PDB file of all heavy atoms in Angstrom:
ATOM      1  N   GLY A   1     187.988 179.301  85.365  1.00  0.00           N
ATOM      2  CA  GLY A   1     187.707 180.511  86.184  1.00  0.00           C
ATOM      3  C   GLY A   1     187.353 180.140  87.650  1.00  0.00           C
ATOM      4  O   GLY A   1     186.856 179.074  87.912  1.00  0.00           O
ATOM      5  N   ARG A   2     187.699 181.101  88.507  1.00  0.00           N
ATOM      6  CA  ARG A   2     187.339 180.979  89.957  1.00  0.00           C
ATOM      7  C   ARG A   2     186.705 182.317  90.331  1.00  0.00           C
ATOM      8  O   ARG A   2     187.077 183.385  89.878  1.00  0.00           O
ATOM      9  CB  ARG A   2     188.548 180.696  90.820  1.00  0.00           C
ATOM     10  CG  ARG A   2     189.167 179.320  90.518  1.00  0.00           C
ATOM     11  CD  ARG A   2     188.268 178.114  90.792  1.00  0.00           C
ATOM     12  NE  ARG A   2     188.933 176.855  90.626  1.00  0.00           N
ATOM     13  CZ  ARG A   2     188.887 176.157  89.465  1.00  0.00           C
ATOM     14  NH1 ARG A   2     188.238 176.674  88.433  1.00  0.00           N
ATOM     15  NH2 ARG A   2     189.532 174.972  89.356  1.00  0.00           N
ATOM     16  N   SER A   3     185.766 182.270  91.232  1.00  0.00           N
ATOM     17  CA  SER A   3     185.072 183.485  91.591  1.00  0.00           C
ATOM     18  C   SER A   3     185.091 183.771  93.103  1.00  0.00           C
ATOM     19  O   SER A   3     185.647 183.022  93.882  1.00  0.00           O
ATOM     20  CB  SER A   3     183.578 183.393  91.104  1.00  0.00           C
ATOM     21  OG  SER A   3     182.995 184.649  91.155  1.00  0.00           O
ATOM     22  N   ILE A   4     184.469 184.887  93.467  1.00  0.00           N
ATOM     23  CA  ILE A   4     184.375 185.291  94.870  1.00  0.00           C
ATOM     24  C   ILE A   4     182.907 185.320  95.301  1.00  0.00           C
ATOM     25  O   ILE A   4     182.016 185.341  94.384  1.00  0.00           O
ATOM     26  CB  ILE A   4     184.969 186.740  95.071  1.00  0.00           C
ATOM     27  CG1 ILE A   4     184.243 187.756  94.188  1.00  0.00           C
ATOM     28  CG2 ILE A   4     186.425 186.727  94.781  1.00  0.00           C
ATOM     29  CD1 ILE A   4     184.677 189.189  94.452  1.00  0.00           C
ATOM     30  N   PRO A   5     182.582 185.243  96.544  1.00  0.00           N
ATOM     31  CA  PRO A   5     181.156 185.258  96.952  1.00  0.00           C
ATOM     32  C   PRO A   5     180.409 186.431  96.415  1.00  0.00           C
ATOM     33  O   PRO A   5     180.962 187.564  96.411  1.00  0.00           O
ATOM     34  CB  PRO A   5     181.209 185.328  98.528  1.00  0.00           C
ATOM     35  CG  PRO A   5     182.551 184.674  98.842  1.00  0.00           C
ATOM     36  CD  PRO A   5     183.442 185.061  97.726  1.00  0.00           C
ATOM     37  N   GLY A   6     179.264 186.221  95.865  1.00  0.00           N
ATOM     38  CA  GLY A   6     178.447 187.312  95.275  1.00  0.00           C
ATOM     39  C   GLY A   6     178.501 187.480  93.804  1.00  0.00           C
ATOM     40  O   GLY A   6     177.899 188.392  93.247  1.00  0.00           O
ATOM     41  N   PHE A   7     179.377 186.661  93.167  1.00  0.00           N
ATOM     42  CA  PHE A   7     179.530 186.679  91.693  1.00  0.00           C
ATOM     43  C   PHE A   7     179.424 185.315  91.122  1.00  0.00           C
ATOM     44  O   PHE A   7     180.360 184.491  91.270  1.00  0.00           O
ATOM     45  CB  PHE A   7     180.858 187.331  91.363  1.00  0.00           C
ATOM     46  CG  PHE A   7     181.014 187.622  89.849  1.00  0.00           C
ATOM     47  CD1 PHE A   7     180.431 188.721  89.270  1.00  0.00           C
ATOM     48  CD2 PHE A   7     181.821 186.789  89.040  1.00  0.00           C
ATOM     49  CE1 PHE A   7     180.576 188.945  87.938  1.00  0.00           C
ATOM     50  CE2 PHE A   7     181.935 187.007  87.681  1.00  0.00           C
ATOM     51  CZ  PHE A   7     181.317 188.123  87.095  1.00  0.00           C
ATOM     52  N   HIS A   8     178.285 184.968  90.552  1.00  0.00           N
ATOM     53  CA  HIS A   8     178.024 183.637  90.033  1.00  0.00           C
ATOM     54  C   HIS A   8     178.719 183.478  88.661  1.00  0.00           C
ATOM     55  O   HIS A   8     178.267 184.072  87.668  1.00  0.00           O
ATOM     56  CB  HIS A   8     176.490 183.389  89.906  1.00  0.00           C
ATOM     57  CG  HIS A   8     176.088 181.989  89.735  1.00  0.00           C
ATOM     58  ND1 HIS A   8     176.461 181.217  88.619  1.00  0.00           N
ATOM     59  CD2 HIS A   8     175.361 181.137  90.507  1.00  0.00           C
ATOM     60  CE1 HIS A   8     176.009 179.941  88.771  1.00  0.00           C
ATOM     61  NE2 HIS A   8     175.293 179.943  89.886  1.00  0.00           N
ATOM     62  N   LEU A   9     179.748 182.670  88.608  1.00  0.00           N
ATOM     63  CA  LEU A   9     180.617 182.639  87.414  1.00  0.00           C
ATOM     64  C   LEU A   9     179.881 182.058  86.202  1.00  0.00           C
ATOM     65  O   LEU A   9     179.995 182.561  85.095  1.00  0.00           O
ATOM     66  CB  LEU A   9     181.854 181.861  87.763  1.00  0.00           C
ATOM     67  CG  LEU A   9     183.116 182.186  86.892  1.00  0.00           C
ATOM     68  CD1 LEU A   9     183.415 183.664  86.883  1.00  0.00           C
ATOM     69  CD2 LEU A   9     184.326 181.413  87.408  1.00  0.00           C
ATOM     70  N   ARG A  10     179.147 180.974  86.393  1.00  0.00           N
ATOM     71  CA  ARG A  10     178.498 180.356  85.293  1.00  0.00           C
ATOM     72  C   ARG A  10     177.406 181.325  84.699  1.00  0.00           C
ATOM     73  O   ARG A  10     177.229 181.434  83.476  1.00  0.00           O
ATOM     74  CB  ARG A  10     177.875 179.030  85.652  1.00  0.00           C
ATOM     75  CG  ARG A  10     177.321 178.275  84.404  1.00  0.00           C
ATOM     76  CD  ARG A  10     176.364 177.130  84.738  1.00  0.00           C
ATOM     77  NE  ARG A  10     175.827 176.586  83.546  1.00  0.00           N
ATOM     78  CZ  ARG A  10     174.776 177.061  82.886  1.00  0.00           C
ATOM     79  NH1 ARG A  10     174.222 178.232  83.263  1.00  0.00           N
ATOM     80  NH2 ARG A  10     174.281 176.486  81.770  1.00  0.00           N
ATOM     81  N   ASP A  11     176.663 181.967  85.584  1.00  0.00           N
ATOM     82  CA  ASP A  11     175.699 182.918  85.088  1.00  0.00           C
ATOM     83  C   ASP A  11     176.322 184.103  84.377  1.00  0.00           C
ATOM     84  O   ASP A  11     175.804 184.615  83.443  1.00  0.00           O
ATOM     85  CB  ASP A  11     174.890 183.461  86.340  1.00  0.00           C
ATOM     86  CG  ASP A  11     173.893 182.459  86.931  1.00  0.00           C
ATOM     87  OD1 ASP A  11     173.794 181.365  86.315  1.00  0.00           O
ATOM     88  OD2 ASP A  11     173.266 182.710  87.922  1.00  0.00           O
ATOM     89  N   ALA A  12     177.539 184.465  84.893  1.00  0.00           N
ATOM     90  CA  ALA A  12     178.225 185.570  84.149  1.00  0.00           C
ATOM     91  C   ALA A  12     178.605 185.174  82.765  1.00  0.00           C
ATOM     92  O   ALA A  12     178.425 185.954  81.779  1.00  0.00           O
ATOM     93  CB  ALA A  12     179.509 185.939  84.927  1.00  0.00           C
ATOM     94  N   LEU A  13     179.065 183.923  82.539  1.00  0.00           N
ATOM     95  CA  LEU A  13     179.351 183.390  81.179  1.00  0.00           C
ATOM     96  C   LEU A  13     178.123 183.330  80.369  1.00  0.00           C
ATOM     97  O   LEU A  13     178.120 183.668  79.167  1.00  0.00           O
ATOM     98  CB  LEU A  13     179.966 181.991  81.294  1.00  0.00           C
ATOM     99  CG  LEU A  13     181.393 181.918  81.924  1.00  0.00           C
ATOM    100  CD1 LEU A  13     181.857 180.475  82.025  1.00  0.00           C
ATOM    101  CD2 LEU A  13     182.408 182.705  81.148  1.00  0.00           C
ATOM    102  N   ASP A  14     176.987 182.991  81.010  1.00  0.00           N
ATOM    103  CA  ASP A  14     175.726 182.916  80.243  1.00  0.00           C
ATOM    104  C   ASP A  14     175.297 184.363  79.780  1.00  0.00           C
ATOM    105  O   ASP A  14     174.854 184.526  78.645  1.00  0.00           O
ATOM    106  CB  ASP A  14     174.651 182.395  81.225  1.00  0.00           C
ATOM    107  CG  ASP A  14     173.450 181.804  80.486  1.00  0.00           C
ATOM    108  OD1 ASP A  14     173.625 181.224  79.415  1.00  0.00           O
ATOM    109  OD2 ASP A  14     172.298 181.934  80.949  1.00  0.00           O
ATOM    110  N   LEU A  15     175.549 185.326  80.580  1.00  0.00           N
ATOM    111  CA  LEU A  15     175.260 186.734  80.187  1.00  0.00           C
ATOM    112  C   LEU A  15     176.099 187.146  79.015  1.00  0.00           C
ATOM    113  O   LEU A  15     175.708 187.835  78.128  1.00  0.00           O
ATOM    114  CB  LEU A  15     175.460 187.701  81.360  1.00  0.00           C
ATOM    115  CG  LEU A  15     174.346 187.874  82.390  1.00  0.00           C
ATOM    116  CD1 LEU A  15     174.835 188.714  83.533  1.00  0.00           C
ATOM    117  CD2 LEU A  15     173.160 188.540  81.721  1.00  0.00           C
ATOM    118  N   MET A  16     177.402 186.705  79.082  1.00  0.00           N
ATOM    119  CA  MET A  16     178.319 187.080  78.069  1.00  0.00           C
ATOM    120  C   MET A  16     177.943 186.470  76.736  1.00  0.00           C
ATOM    121  O   MET A  16     178.078 187.125  75.656  1.00  0.00           O
ATOM    122  CB  MET A  16     179.764 186.645  78.438  1.00  0.00           C
ATOM    123  CG  MET A  16     180.366 187.439  79.583  1.00  0.00           C
ATOM    124  SD  MET A  16     181.727 186.645  80.450  1.00  0.00           S
ATOM    125  CE  MET A  16     182.960 186.636  79.158  1.00  0.00           C
ATOM    126  N   VAL A  17     177.396 185.227  76.745  1.00  0.00           N
ATOM    127  CA  VAL A  17     176.958 184.528  75.571  1.00  0.00           C
ATOM    128  C   VAL A  17     175.729 185.239  74.934  1.00  0.00           C
ATOM    129  O   VAL A  17     175.628 185.337  73.748  1.00  0.00           O
ATOM    130  CB  VAL A  17     176.716 183.079  75.841  1.00  0.00           C
ATOM    131  CG1 VAL A  17     175.961 182.435  74.661  1.00  0.00           C
ATOM    132  CG2 VAL A  17     178.000 182.297  76.070  1.00  0.00           C
ATOM    133  N   LYS A  18     174.882 185.747  75.825  1.00  0.00           N
ATOM    134  CA  LYS A  18     173.676 186.377  75.343  1.00  0.00           C
ATOM    135  C   LYS A  18     174.074 187.705  74.616  1.00  0.00           C
ATOM    136  O   LYS A  18     173.405 188.057  73.646  1.00  0.00           O
ATOM    137  CB  LYS A  18     172.738 186.729  76.499  1.00  0.00           C
ATOM    138  CG  LYS A  18     172.002 185.461  77.013  1.00  0.00           C
ATOM    139  CD  LYS A  18     171.069 185.867  78.179  1.00  0.00           C
ATOM    140  CE  LYS A  18     170.164 184.667  78.539  1.00  0.00           C
ATOM    141  NZ  LYS A  18     170.917 183.425  79.007  1.00  0.00           N
ATOM    142  N   LYS A  19     175.125 188.387  75.056  1.00  0.00           N
ATOM    143  CA  LYS A  19     175.587 189.611  74.420  1.00  0.00           C
ATOM    144  C   LYS A  19     176.335 189.328  73.147  1.00  0.00           C
ATOM    145  O   LYS A  19     176.315 190.048  72.148  1.00  0.00           O
ATOM    146  CB  LYS A  19     176.431 190.443  75.421  1.00  0.00           C
ATOM    147  CG  LYS A  19     175.634 191.053  76.546  1.00  0.00           C
ATOM    148  CD  LYS A  19     176.506 191.907  77.408  1.00  0.00           C
ATOM    149  CE  LYS A  19     175.784 192.493  78.566  1.00  0.00           C
ATOM    150  NZ  LYS A  19     176.645 193.416  79.390  1.00  0.00           N
ATOM    151  N   HIS A  20     177.162 188.265  73.206  1.00  0.00           N
ATOM    152  CA  HIS A  20     177.986 187.891  72.053  1.00  0.00           C
ATOM    153  C   HIS A  20     177.872 186.366  71.820  1.00  0.00           C
ATOM    154  O   HIS A  20     178.661 185.550  72.343  1.00  0.00           O
ATOM    155  CB  HIS A  20     179.488 188.189  72.378  1.00  0.00           C
ATOM    156  CG  HIS A  20     179.738 189.645  72.737  1.00  0.00           C
ATOM    157  ND1 HIS A  20     179.836 190.619  71.744  1.00  0.00           N
ATOM    158  CD2 HIS A  20     179.823 190.266  73.929  1.00  0.00           C
ATOM    159  CE1 HIS A  20     180.032 191.781  72.357  1.00  0.00           C
ATOM    160  NE2 HIS A  20     179.981 191.596  73.669  1.00  0.00           N
ATOM    161  N   PRO A  21     176.912 185.975  71.006  1.00  0.00           N
ATOM    162  CA  PRO A  21     176.521 184.545  70.861  1.00  0.00           C
ATOM    163  C   PRO A  21     177.707 183.646  70.422  1.00  0.00           C
ATOM    164  O   PRO A  21     177.623 182.430  70.682  1.00  0.00           O
ATOM    165  CB  PRO A  21     175.379 184.561  69.867  1.00  0.00           C
ATOM    166  CG  PRO A  21     174.753 185.924  69.981  1.00  0.00           C
ATOM    167  CD  PRO A  21     175.943 186.879  70.333  1.00  0.00           C
ATOM    168  N   HIS A  22     178.632 184.225  69.703  1.00  0.00           N
ATOM    169  CA  HIS A  22     179.699 183.373  69.176  1.00  0.00           C
ATOM    170  C   HIS A  22     180.999 183.476  69.947  1.00  0.00           C
ATOM    171  O   HIS A  22     182.044 182.942  69.536  1.00  0.00           O
ATOM    172  CB  HIS A  22     179.996 183.790  67.683  1.00  0.00           C
ATOM    173  CG  HIS A  22     178.788 183.723  66.803  1.00  0.00           C
ATOM    174  ND1 HIS A  22     178.137 182.516  66.576  1.00  0.00           N
ATOM    175  CD2 HIS A  22     178.026 184.708  66.177  1.00  0.00           C
ATOM    176  CE1 HIS A  22     177.127 182.749  65.767  1.00  0.00           C
ATOM    177  NE2 HIS A  22     177.031 184.026  65.564  1.00  0.00           N
ATOM    178  N   LEU A  23     180.883 184.110  71.161  1.00  0.00           N
ATOM    179  CA  LEU A  23     182.095 184.305  71.937  1.00  0.00           C
ATOM    180  C   LEU A  23     182.662 183.030  72.517  1.00  0.00           C
ATOM    181  O   LEU A  23     183.847 182.750  72.478  1.00  0.00           O
ATOM    182  CB  LEU A  23     181.785 185.288  73.053  1.00  0.00           C
ATOM    183  CG  LEU A  23     182.957 185.557  74.051  1.00  0.00           C
ATOM    184  CD1 LEU A  23     184.165 186.117  73.380  1.00  0.00           C
ATOM    185  CD2 LEU A  23     182.523 186.498  75.168  1.00  0.00           C
ATOM    186  N   LEU A  24     181.757 182.177  73.035  1.00  0.00           N
ATOM    187  CA  LEU A  24     182.168 180.944  73.727  1.00  0.00           C
ATOM    188  C   LEU A  24     181.864 179.750  72.875  1.00  0.00           C
ATOM    189  O   LEU A  24     180.708 179.559  72.486  1.00  0.00           O
ATOM    190  CB  LEU A  24     181.504 180.818  75.103  1.00  0.00           C
ATOM    191  CG  LEU A  24     181.732 181.957  76.071  1.00  0.00           C
ATOM    192  CD1 LEU A  24     181.022 181.660  77.386  1.00  0.00           C
ATOM    193  CD2 LEU A  24     183.186 182.254  76.349  1.00  0.00           C
ATOM    194  N   LEU A  25     182.816 178.904  72.630  1.00  0.00           N
ATOM    195  CA  LEU A  25     182.597 177.652  71.896  1.00  0.00           C
ATOM    196  C   LEU A  25     181.865 176.628  72.828  1.00  0.00           C
ATOM    197  O   LEU A  25     180.952 175.924  72.398  1.00  0.00           O
ATOM    198  CB  LEU A  25     183.895 177.037  71.410  1.00  0.00           C
ATOM    199  CG  LEU A  25     184.666 177.921  70.405  1.00  0.00           C
ATOM    200  CD1 LEU A  25     186.040 177.273  70.072  1.00  0.00           C
ATOM    201  CD2 LEU A  25     183.867 178.095  69.107  1.00  0.00           C
ATOM    202  N   ARG A  26     182.340 176.596  74.072  1.00  0.00           N
ATOM    203  CA  ARG A  26     181.745 175.738  75.094  1.00  0.00           C
ATOM    204  C   ARG A  26     181.918 176.358  76.455  1.00  0.00           C
ATOM    205  O   ARG A  26     182.903 177.053  76.666  1.00  0.00           O
ATOM    206  CB  ARG A  26     182.406 174.355  75.132  1.00  0.00           C
ATOM    207  CG  ARG A  26     182.157 173.474  73.859  1.00  0.00           C
ATOM    208  CD  ARG A  26     182.983 172.209  73.897  1.00  0.00           C
ATOM    209  NE  ARG A  26     184.366 172.417  73.798  1.00  0.00           N
ATOM    210  CZ  ARG A  26     185.036 172.721  72.610  1.00  0.00           C
ATOM    211  NH1 ARG A  26     184.313 172.779  71.556  1.00  0.00           N
ATOM    212  NH2 ARG A  26     186.308 172.852  72.585  1.00  0.00           N
ATOM    213  N   PHE A  27     180.982 176.155  77.346  1.00  0.00           N
ATOM    214  CA  PHE A  27     181.182 176.627  78.737  1.00  0.00           C
ATOM    215  C   PHE A  27     180.267 175.831  79.651  1.00  0.00           C
ATOM    216  O   PHE A  27     179.294 175.164  79.283  1.00  0.00           O
ATOM    217  CB  PHE A  27     180.866 178.115  78.827  1.00  0.00           C
ATOM    218  CG  PHE A  27     179.424 178.504  78.842  1.00  0.00           C
ATOM    219  CD1 PHE A  27     178.768 178.678  80.068  1.00  0.00           C
ATOM    220  CD2 PHE A  27     178.709 178.661  77.644  1.00  0.00           C
ATOM    221  CE1 PHE A  27     177.437 179.073  80.051  1.00  0.00           C
ATOM    222  CE2 PHE A  27     177.360 179.011  77.664  1.00  0.00           C
ATOM    223  CZ  PHE A  27     176.708 179.237  78.880  1.00  0.00           C
ATOM    224  N   GLY A  28     180.625 175.861  80.986  1.00  0.00           N
ATOM    225  CA  GLY A  28     179.841 175.223  82.002  1.00  0.00           C
ATOM    226  C   GLY A  28     180.432 175.467  83.358  1.00  0.00           C
ATOM    227  O   GLY A  28     181.505 176.027  83.435  1.00  0.00           O
TER     228      GLY A  28
END
């Protein structure tokens, strides 16, 4: 993934995992 200023991509993935714990096998 690539992002634009004002949208923290890793933090977005972290939020997604909190909502759906089994969604991502690995991320960083």
